[in-house]
C-alpha atoms as a PDB file:
ATOM      1  CA  MET A   1     -63.965 -68.596  -9.918  1.00  0.00           C
ATOM      2  CA  SER A   2     -67.223 -70.057 -11.244  1.00  0.00           C
ATOM      3  CA  LEU A   3     -67.490 -72.177  -8.069  1.00  0.00           C
ATOM      4  CA  LEU A   4     -67.537 -69.055  -5.880  1.00  0.00           C
ATOM      5  CA  PRO A   5     -70.809 -67.255  -5.023  1.00  0.00           C
ATOM      6  CA  GLN A   6     -72.295 -65.289  -7.894  1.00  0.00           C
ATOM      7  CA  GLY A   7     -74.771 -62.560  -6.942  1.00  0.00           C
ATOM      8  CA  LYS A   8     -76.137 -61.181  -3.702  1.00  0.00           C
ATOM      9  CA  VAL A   9     -76.459 -63.374  -0.610  1.00  0.00           C
ATOM     10  CA  GLY A  10     -77.371 -62.161   2.848  1.00  0.00           C
ATOM     11  CA  LEU A  11     -79.909 -61.851   5.623  1.00  0.00           C
ATOM     12  CA  ASP A  12     -82.055 -59.000   6.913  1.00  0.00           C
ATOM     13  CA  GLY A  13     -79.857 -56.857   9.158  1.00  0.00           C
ATOM     14  CA  LEU A  14     -76.605 -58.224   7.711  1.00  0.00           C
ATOM     15  CA  ARG A  15     -74.399 -56.762   4.984  1.00  0.00           C
ATOM     16  CA  VAL A  16     -71.860 -58.975   3.242  1.00  0.00           C
ATOM     17  CA  ALA A  17     -69.002 -57.994   0.941  1.00  0.00           C
ATOM     18  CA  ALA A  18     -66.650 -60.530  -0.662  1.00  0.00           C
ATOM     19  CA  LEU A  19     -63.617 -60.457  -2.910  1.00  0.00           C
ATOM     20  CA  CYS A  20     -61.340 -63.148  -4.326  1.00  0.00           C
ATOM     21  CA  LEU A  21     -58.140 -62.310  -6.204  1.00  0.00           C
ATOM     22  CA  PRO A  22     -56.499 -65.640  -7.073  1.00  0.00           C
ATOM     23  CA  ALA A  23     -52.740 -65.835  -7.590  1.00  0.00           C
ATOM     24  CA  ALA A  24     -53.145 -68.366 -10.411  1.00  0.00           C
ATOM     25  CA  GLU A  25     -55.826 -69.406 -12.882  1.00  0.00           C
ATOM     26  CA  VAL A  26     -56.576 -72.607 -10.989  1.00  0.00           C
ATOM     27  CA  GLY A  27     -56.107 -72.846  -7.264  1.00  0.00           C
ATOM     28  CA  GLY A  28     -57.480 -73.912  -3.955  1.00  0.00           C
ATOM     29  CA  ASP A  29     -58.893 -70.654  -2.587  1.00  0.00           C
ATOM     30  CA  TYR A  30     -62.547 -71.056  -1.632  1.00  0.00           C
ATOM     31  CA  TYR A  31     -65.250 -69.069   0.069  1.00  0.00           C
ATOM     32  CA  ASP A  32     -68.982 -69.518   0.133  1.00  0.00           C
ATOM     33  CA  LEU A  33     -72.131 -68.019   1.623  1.00  0.00           C
ATOM     34  CA  LEU A  34     -74.737 -70.679   2.338  1.00  0.00           C
ATOM     35  CA  PRO A  35     -78.345 -69.672   3.083  1.00  0.00           C
ATOM     36  CA  LEU A  36     -79.346 -72.129   5.835  1.00  0.00           C
ATOM     37  CA  SER A  37     -82.732 -70.619   6.762  1.00  0.00           C
ATOM     38  CA  ASP A  38     -84.526 -67.257   6.805  1.00  0.00           C
ATOM     39  CA  THR A  39     -82.349 -66.167   9.737  1.00  0.00           C
ATOM     40  CA  ARG A  40     -79.158 -68.232   9.373  1.00  0.00           C
ATOM     41  CA  LEU A  41     -76.234 -67.998   6.969  1.00  0.00           C
ATOM     42  CA  GLY A  42     -73.221 -70.300   6.702  1.00  0.00           C
ATOM     43  CA  VAL A  43     -69.896 -68.611   5.906  1.00  0.00           C
ATOM     44  CA  VAL A  44     -66.937 -70.635   4.601  1.00  0.00           C
ATOM     45  CA  VAL A  45     -63.384 -69.509   3.922  1.00  0.00           C
ATOM     46  CA  ALA A  46     -60.816 -72.159   3.011  1.00  0.00           C
ATOM     47  CA  ASP A  47     -57.488 -72.705   1.297  1.00  0.00           C
ATOM     48  CA  VAL A  48     -56.173 -75.951  -0.135  1.00  0.00           C
ATOM     49  CA  SER A  49     -52.410 -76.348   0.188  1.00  0.00           C
ATOM     50  CA  GLY A  50     -50.555 -75.881  -3.079  1.00  0.00           C
ATOM     51  CA  LYS A  51     -51.714 -74.470  -6.391  1.00  0.00           C
ATOM     52  CA  GLY A  52     -52.756 -75.786  -9.766  1.00  0.00           C
ATOM     53  CA  THR A  53     -55.155 -78.478 -10.863  1.00  0.00           C
ATOM     54  CA  SER A  54     -54.887 -80.742  -7.813  1.00  0.00           C
ATOM     55  CA  ALA A  55     -55.677 -77.848  -5.453  1.00  0.00           C
ATOM     56  CA  GLY A  56     -58.631 -76.901  -7.667  1.00  0.00           C
ATOM     57  CA  VAL A  57     -59.951 -80.469  -7.634  1.00  0.00           C
ATOM     58  CA  TYR A  58     -59.699 -80.653  -3.823  1.00  0.00           C
ATOM     59  CA  MET A  59     -61.417 -77.277  -3.569  1.00  0.00           C
ATOM     60  CA  ALA A  60     -64.323 -78.518  -5.718  1.00  0.00           C
ATOM     61  CA  GLU A  61     -64.549 -81.658  -3.556  1.00  0.00           C
ATOM     62  CA  LEU A  62     -64.578 -79.481  -0.422  1.00  0.00           C
ATOM     63  CA  GLU A  63     -67.369 -77.327  -1.840  1.00  0.00           C
ATOM     64  CA  GLY A  64     -69.632 -80.331  -2.417  1.00  0.00           C
ATOM     65  CA  LEU A  65     -68.791 -81.736   0.994  1.00  0.00           C
ATOM     66  CA  VAL A  66     -69.567 -78.447   2.788  1.00  0.00           C
ATOM     67  CA  LEU A  67     -72.829 -77.995   0.880  1.00  0.00           C
ATOM     68  CA  SER A  68     -73.938 -81.465   1.984  1.00  0.00           C
ATOM     69  CA  LEU A  69     -72.720 -81.284   5.586  1.00  0.00           C
ATOM     70  CA  SER A  70     -74.180 -77.797   6.170  1.00  0.00           C
ATOM     71  CA  ARG A  71     -77.643 -79.282   5.589  1.00  0.00           C
ATOM     72  CA  ILE A  72     -77.031 -81.935   8.250  1.00  0.00           C
ATOM     73  CA  TYR A  73     -75.022 -80.232  11.030  1.00  0.00           C
ATOM     74  CA  ASP A  74     -75.902 -76.982  12.815  1.00  0.00           C
ATOM     75  CA  SER A  75     -72.616 -76.904  14.707  1.00  0.00           C
ATOM     76  CA  PRO A  76     -69.564 -75.508  12.869  1.00  0.00           C
ATOM     77  CA  GLY A  77     -67.314 -77.714  14.997  1.00  0.00           C
ATOM     78  CA  THR A  78     -69.253 -80.855  14.159  1.00  0.00           C
ATOM     79  CA  LEU A  79     -69.255 -79.975  10.459  1.00  0.00           C
ATOM     80  CA  LEU A  80     -65.455 -79.562  10.500  1.00  0.00           C
ATOM     81  CA  LYS A  81     -64.982 -82.836  12.394  1.00  0.00           C
ATOM     82  CA  GLN A  82     -67.066 -84.718   9.834  1.00  0.00           C
ATOM     83  CA  ALA A  83     -65.312 -82.996   6.927  1.00  0.00           C
ATOM     84  CA  ASN A  84     -61.932 -83.945   8.403  1.00  0.00           C
ATOM     85  CA  ARG A  85     -62.994 -87.571   8.840  1.00  0.00           C
ATOM     86  CA  ILE A  86     -63.932 -87.758   5.155  1.00  0.00           C
ATOM     87  CA  LEU A  87     -61.057 -85.707   3.744  1.00  0.00           C
ATOM     88  CA  ALA A  88     -58.300 -87.324   5.829  1.00  0.00           C
ATOM     89  CA  ALA A  89     -59.115 -90.620   4.132  1.00  0.00           C
ATOM     90  CA  ASN A  90     -59.004 -89.099   0.625  1.00  0.00           C
ATOM     91  CA  LEU A  91     -56.334 -86.366   0.492  1.00  0.00           C
ATOM     92  CA  ASP A  92     -52.841 -87.291  -0.612  1.00  0.00           C
ATOM     93  CA  SER A  93     -50.283 -87.253   2.210  1.00  0.00           C
ATOM     94  CA  ARG A  94     -48.765 -83.919   1.091  1.00  0.00           C
ATOM     95  CA  SER A  95     -52.062 -82.014   1.022  1.00  0.00           C
ATOM     96  CA  PHE A  96     -54.208 -80.379   3.675  1.00  0.00           C
ATOM     97  CA  ILE A  97     -56.938 -77.742   3.819  1.00  0.00           C
ATOM     98  CA  THR A  98     -57.303 -74.839   6.217  1.00  0.00           C
ATOM     99  CA  MET A  99     -60.865 -73.659   6.765  1.00  0.00           C
ATOM    100  CA  THR A 100     -63.092 -71.484   8.906  1.00  0.00           C
ATOM    101  CA  TYR A 101     -66.808 -72.247   9.057  1.00  0.00           C
ATOM    102  CA  ALA A 102     -69.266 -69.906  10.760  1.00  0.00           C
ATOM    103  CA  VAL A 103     -73.016 -69.860  11.233  1.00  0.00           C
ATOM    104  CA  VAL A 104     -74.423 -66.341  11.506  1.00  0.00           C
ATOM    105  CA  ASP A 105     -77.812 -66.468  13.253  1.00  0.00           C
ATOM    106  CA  MET A 106     -79.723 -63.194  13.119  1.00  0.00           C
ATOM    107  CA  GLY A 107     -82.579 -64.796  15.107  1.00  0.00           C
ATOM    108  CA  THR A 108     -80.377 -65.312  18.170  1.00  0.00           C
ATOM    109  CA  GLY A 109     -77.979 -62.443  17.418  1.00  0.00           C
ATOM    110  CA  THR A 110     -74.945 -64.726  17.505  1.00  0.00           C
ATOM    111  CA  MET A 111     -72.255 -66.176  15.309  1.00  0.00           C
ATOM    112  CA  ARG A 112     -70.784 -69.612  16.061  1.00  0.00           C
ATOM    113  CA  PHE A 113     -67.561 -70.596  14.339  1.00  0.00           C
ATOM    114  CA  ALA A 114     -64.625 -72.967  14.372  1.00  0.00           C
ATOM    115  CA  ARG A 115     -61.240 -72.861  12.628  1.00  0.00           C
ATOM    116  CA  ALA A 116     -59.468 -75.817  11.096  1.00  0.00           C
ATOM    117  CA  GLY A 117     -56.024 -74.196  11.072  1.00  0.00           C
ATOM    118  CA  HIS A 118     -57.181 -71.206   9.004  1.00  0.00           C
ATOM    119  CA  ASN A 119     -56.441 -67.522   9.601  1.00  0.00           C
ATOM    120  CA  PRO A 120     -58.114 -65.976  12.656  1.00  0.00           C
ATOM    121  CA  LEU A 121     -61.146 -63.726  12.261  1.00  0.00           C
ATOM    122  CA  ILE A 122     -60.798 -60.041  12.992  1.00  0.00           C
ATOM    123  CA  GLN A 123     -63.663 -58.233  14.715  1.00  0.00           C
ATOM    124  CA  LEU A 124     -64.041 -54.461  14.779  1.00  0.00           C
ATOM    125  CA  GLU A 125     -66.366 -53.580  17.661  1.00  0.00           C
ATOM    126  CA  ALA A 126     -68.467 -50.572  16.673  1.00  0.00           C
ATOM    127  CA  ALA A 127     -69.259 -49.491  20.230  1.00  0.00           C
ATOM    128  CA  SER A 128     -65.668 -49.384  21.523  1.00  0.00           C
ATOM    129  CA  GLY A 129     -63.679 -49.067  18.285  1.00  0.00           C
ATOM    130  CA  ARG A 130     -61.548 -51.985  19.508  1.00  0.00           C
ATOM    131  CA  THR A 131     -60.192 -54.629  17.186  1.00  0.00           C
ATOM    132  CA  ARG A 132     -60.195 -58.224  18.411  1.00  0.00           C
ATOM    133  CA  VAL A 133     -58.444 -61.218  16.917  1.00  0.00           C
ATOM    134  CA  LEU A 134     -60.652 -64.308  17.238  1.00  0.00           C
ATOM    135  CA  ALA A 135     -58.425 -67.390  17.063  1.00  0.00           C
ATOM    136  CA  PRO A 136     -59.873 -70.519  18.669  1.00  0.00           C
ATOM    137  CA  GLN A 137     -57.696 -73.610  18.332  1.00  0.00           C
ATOM    138  CA  GLY A 138     -57.935 -75.908  15.343  1.00  0.00           C
ATOM    139  CA  LEU A 139     -55.874 -78.152  13.098  1.00  0.00           C
ATOM    140  CA  GLY A 140     -55.948 -78.207   9.272  1.00  0.00           C
ATOM    141  CA  LEU A 141     -58.269 -80.683   7.574  1.00  0.00           C
ATOM    142  CA  GLY A 142     -56.537 -83.872   6.495  1.00  0.00           C
ATOM    143  CA  ILE A 143     -53.502 -83.505   8.769  1.00  0.00           C
ATOM    144  CA  ASP A 144     -54.784 -85.981  11.360  1.00  0.00           C
ATOM    145  CA  ALA A 145     -57.405 -88.655  10.747  1.00  0.00           C
ATOM    146  CA  GLY A 146     -57.761 -89.561  14.412  1.00  0.00           C
ATOM    147  CA  ASP A 147     -58.676 -88.044  17.753  1.00  0.00           C
ATOM    148  CA  ARG A 148     -56.055 -85.292  17.692  1.00  0.00           C
ATOM    149  CA  PHE A 149     -58.155 -83.162  15.281  1.00  0.00           C
ATOM    150  CA  VAL A 150     -61.243 -83.611  17.472  1.00  0.00           C
ATOM    151  CA  ASP A 151     -59.346 -82.881  20.708  1.00  0.00           C
ATOM    152  CA  ILE A 152     -57.794 -79.648  19.391  1.00  0.00           C
ATOM    153  CA  LEU A 153     -60.827 -78.103  17.618  1.00  0.00           C
ATOM    154  CA  VAL A 154     -62.715 -75.409  19.569  1.00  0.00           C
ATOM    155  CA  GLU A 155     -66.071 -73.872  18.598  1.00  0.00           C
ATOM    156  CA  VAL A 156     -66.734 -70.307  19.762  1.00  0.00           C
ATOM    157  CA  GLU A 157     -69.904 -68.207  19.935  1.00  0.00           C
ATOM    158  CA  VAL A 158     -69.756 -64.417  19.720  1.00  0.00           C
ATOM    159  CA  PRO A 159     -72.607 -61.929  20.021  1.00  0.00           C
ATOM    160  CA  LEU A 160     -73.557 -59.852  16.985  1.00  0.00           C
ATOM    161  CA  ARG A 161     -73.944 -56.166  17.791  1.00  0.00           C
ATOM    162  CA  GLY A 162     -75.112 -53.465  15.407  1.00  0.00           C
ATOM    163  CA  GLY A 163     -72.260 -51.911  13.468  1.00  0.00           C
ATOM    164  CA  ASP A 164     -69.685 -54.599  14.269  1.00  0.00           C
ATOM    165  CA  HIS A 165     -67.536 -55.824  11.367  1.00  0.00           C
ATOM    166  CA  PHE A 166     -66.001 -59.278  10.965  1.00  0.00           C
ATOM    167  CA  LEU A 167     -63.182 -59.980   8.527  1.00  0.00           C
ATOM    168  CA  PHE A 168     -62.764 -63.517   7.181  1.00  0.00           C
ATOM    169  CA  PHE A 169     -59.634 -63.969   5.073  1.00  0.00           C
END
């Protein structure tokens, strides 16, 4: 839990709420909010397969990797491709990580994101009251070290409209 965000993180015009209720004392659940600039915020939600110490160790490794890669790559898809390249060489053959990485950009009024096999996002559109499931293709990190991961992964951009809600889980 100490590796998860502590305190308020956000951008002007954006409200963020987060909650983590782990099933065990040590596990592989991970989320983070990464200030990238005055107008951009990185959002990470991930889950390491399994529970216990090994999942916790992989989660800590993923956190350091994402912190480093988010400073280098603007594209969520590119960040996930690089993370997969590194993790596929280091995870044991029974482990994998699902992850969604998004970049919220209040300057452009958009959110770009990609999913590496993680749960879809849910969007509640304020104007219409409609709920949309946002589920671009993607494969879990560490499952494939080759071109298959790259070929499957899709990055999507959605507009941000006042009052819309996005659920990452």
